[in-house]
């Protein structure tokens, strides 16, 4: 199942810079691991914001939920999720 996910990160302004750097490094490591597994299909930064648009390819809504909850920055995120399906007018056979 494909899901379009918008993530907006809102770290506390008074967060210790070392803690913020560690969270960001851990997030990057996990995100890249999920990308190598094919679960985090696409990742785009939203210009001018600490936010991204992503496409996840997971087996179920529960797997998406579990995956998002394990992200180190999850406690500091606002997340919007939309399920995706093929559009009949698409000229592509897949989404790659």
C-alpha atoms as a PDB file:
ATOM      1  CA  UNK A   1       0.000   0.000   0.000  1.00  0.00           C
ATOM      2  CA  UNK A   2       1.257   3.456  -0.866  1.00  0.00           C
ATOM      3  CA  UNK A   3       0.812   6.410   1.465  1.00  0.00           C
ATOM      4  CA  UNK A   4       1.592  10.090   0.958  1.00  0.00           C
ATOM      5  CA  UNK A   5       2.809  11.475   4.281  1.00  0.00           C
ATOM      6  CA  UNK A   6       3.460  15.109   5.161  1.00  0.00           C
ATOM      7  CA  UNK A   7       5.652  15.581   8.218  1.00  0.00           C
ATOM      8  CA  UNK A   8       6.172  18.957   9.867  1.00  0.00           C
ATOM      9  CA  UNK A   9       8.865  18.973  12.557  1.00  0.00           C
ATOM     10  CA  UNK A  10       8.490  21.374  15.475  1.00  0.00           C
ATOM     11  CA  UNK A  11      11.391  21.031  17.879  1.00  0.00           C
ATOM     12  CA  UNK A  12      11.092  23.049  21.096  1.00  0.00           C
ATOM     13  CA  UNK A  13      13.001  26.319  20.810  1.00  0.00           C
ATOM     14  CA  UNK A  14      14.688  25.616  24.142  1.00  0.00           C
ATOM     15  CA  UNK A  15      15.808  22.075  23.208  1.00  0.00           C
ATOM     16  CA  UNK A  16      19.471  21.406  23.916  1.00  0.00           C
ATOM     17  CA  UNK A  17      21.343  21.690  20.584  1.00  0.00           C
ATOM     18  CA  UNK A  18      23.242  18.465  21.253  1.00  0.00           C
ATOM     19  CA  UNK A  19      19.981  16.588  21.869  1.00  0.00           C
ATOM     20  CA  UNK A  20      18.490  18.052  18.672  1.00  0.00           C
ATOM     21  CA  UNK A  21      21.577  17.033  16.674  1.00  0.00           C
ATOM     22  CA  UNK A  22      21.383  13.487  18.061  1.00  0.00           C
ATOM     23  CA  UNK A  23      17.671  13.186  17.223  1.00  0.00           C
ATOM     24  CA  UNK A  24      18.324  14.428  13.669  1.00  0.00           C
ATOM     25  CA  UNK A  25      21.234  12.015  13.170  1.00  0.00           C
ATOM     26  CA  UNK A  26      19.190   9.078  14.486  1.00  0.00           C
ATOM     27  CA  UNK A  27      16.266  10.107  12.250  1.00  0.00           C
ATOM     28  CA  UNK A  28      18.514  10.226   9.191  1.00  0.00           C
ATOM     29  CA  UNK A  29      19.975   6.799   9.954  1.00  0.00           C
ATOM     30  CA  UNK A  30      16.546   5.176  10.365  1.00  0.00           C
ATOM     31  CA  UNK A  31      15.078   6.962   7.321  1.00  0.00           C
ATOM     32  CA  UNK A  32      17.926   5.782   5.108  1.00  0.00           C
ATOM     33  CA  UNK A  33      17.543   2.233   6.433  1.00  0.00           C
ATOM     34  CA  UNK A  34      13.812   2.299   5.620  1.00  0.00           C
ATOM     35  CA  UNK A  35      14.654   3.651   2.149  1.00  0.00           C
ATOM     36  CA  UNK A  36      17.097   0.800   1.528  1.00  0.00           C
ATOM     37  CA  UNK A  37      14.331  -1.643   2.578  1.00  0.00           C
ATOM     38  CA  UNK A  38      11.959  -0.004   0.086  1.00  0.00           C
ATOM     39  CA  UNK A  39       9.458   1.050   2.762  1.00  0.00           C
ATOM     40  CA  UNK A  40      10.254   4.779   2.550  1.00  0.00           C
ATOM     41  CA  UNK A  41       9.965   5.136  -1.211  1.00  0.00           C
ATOM     42  CA  UNK A  42      10.374   8.894  -1.702  1.00  0.00           C
ATOM     43  CA  UNK A  43      11.462  11.817   0.477  1.00  0.00           C
ATOM     44  CA  UNK A  44      11.257  15.484  -0.515  1.00  0.00           C
ATOM     45  CA  UNK A  45      12.009  18.552   1.578  1.00  0.00           C
ATOM     46  CA  UNK A  46       9.400  21.316   1.501  1.00  0.00           C
ATOM     47  CA  UNK A  47      11.277  24.497   0.630  1.00  0.00           C
ATOM     48  CA  UNK A  48      11.387  27.048   3.418  1.00  0.00           C
ATOM     49  CA  UNK A  49      10.016  24.690   6.082  1.00  0.00           C
ATOM     50  CA  UNK A  50      11.329  22.049   8.453  1.00  0.00           C
ATOM     51  CA  UNK A  51       8.974  19.596   6.760  1.00  0.00           C
ATOM     52  CA  UNK A  52       8.834  16.914   4.098  1.00  0.00           C
ATOM     53  CA  UNK A  53       6.569  15.046   1.745  1.00  0.00           C
ATOM     54  CA  UNK A  54       7.209  11.324   1.664  1.00  0.00           C
ATOM     55  CA  UNK A  55       5.798   8.221   0.030  1.00  0.00           C
ATOM     56  CA  UNK A  56       5.781   5.020   2.067  1.00  0.00           C
ATOM     57  CA  UNK A  57       5.224   1.549   0.614  1.00  0.00           C
ATOM     58  CA  UNK A  58       4.065  -0.728   3.432  1.00  0.00           C
ATOM     59  CA  UNK A  59       1.722  -3.689   3.798  1.00  0.00           C
ATOM     60  CA  UNK A  60      -0.924  -2.007   5.946  1.00  0.00           C
ATOM     61  CA  UNK A  61      -2.082   1.095   7.760  1.00  0.00           C
ATOM     62  CA  UNK A  62      -0.865  -0.513  10.981  1.00  0.00           C
ATOM     63  CA  UNK A  63       2.630  -0.979   9.545  1.00  0.00           C
ATOM     64  CA  UNK A  64       2.699   2.684   8.501  1.00  0.00           C
ATOM     65  CA  UNK A  65       1.573   3.714  11.985  1.00  0.00           C
ATOM     66  CA  UNK A  66       4.236   1.545  13.634  1.00  0.00           C
ATOM     67  CA  UNK A  67       6.918   2.852  11.270  1.00  0.00           C
ATOM     68  CA  UNK A  68       6.066   6.499  11.889  1.00  0.00           C
ATOM     69  CA  UNK A  69       5.935   6.007  15.651  1.00  0.00           C
ATOM     70  CA  UNK A  70       9.487   4.627  15.703  1.00  0.00           C
ATOM     71  CA  UNK A  71      10.917   7.784  14.107  1.00  0.00           C
ATOM     72  CA  UNK A  72      13.109   9.612  16.638  1.00  0.00           C
ATOM     73  CA  UNK A  73      11.492  12.954  15.727  1.00  0.00           C
ATOM     74  CA  UNK A  74       7.942  11.546  15.942  1.00  0.00           C
ATOM     75  CA  UNK A  75       7.134  13.262  19.276  1.00  0.00           C
ATOM     76  CA  UNK A  76       7.877  16.611  17.605  1.00  0.00           C
ATOM     77  CA  UNK A  77       5.939  16.058  14.359  1.00  0.00           C
ATOM     78  CA  UNK A  78       2.592  17.018  12.940  1.00  0.00           C
ATOM     79  CA  UNK A  79       1.717  14.281  10.423  1.00  0.00           C
ATOM     80  CA  UNK A  80      -0.879  14.061   7.655  1.00  0.00           C
ATOM     81  CA  UNK A  81      -1.450  10.732   5.878  1.00  0.00           C
ATOM     82  CA  UNK A  82      -3.254  10.036   2.608  1.00  0.00           C
ATOM     83  CA  UNK A  83      -3.638   6.608   1.016  1.00  0.00           C
ATOM     84  CA  UNK A  84      -2.670   6.485  -2.671  1.00  0.00           C
ATOM     85  CA  UNK A  85      -3.813   4.327  -5.573  1.00  0.00           C
ATOM     86  CA  UNK A  86      -3.089   4.240  -9.288  1.00  0.00           C
ATOM     87  CA  UNK A  87      -4.832   6.842 -11.419  1.00  0.00           C
ATOM     88  CA  UNK A  88      -6.477   5.423 -14.558  1.00  0.00           C
ATOM     89  CA  UNK A  89      -5.128   8.306 -16.687  1.00  0.00           C
ATOM     90  CA  UNK A  90      -1.492   7.767 -15.694  1.00  0.00           C
ATOM     91  CA  UNK A  91       0.846   6.979 -18.589  1.00  0.00           C
ATOM     92  CA  UNK A  92       3.184   5.054 -16.243  1.00  0.00           C
ATOM     93  CA  UNK A  93       2.821   1.401 -15.315  1.00  0.00           C
ATOM     94  CA  UNK A  94       4.246   1.999 -11.842  1.00  0.00           C
ATOM     95  CA  UNK A  95       5.227   4.834  -9.535  1.00  0.00           C
ATOM     96  CA  UNK A  96       9.022   4.558  -9.789  1.00  0.00           C
END
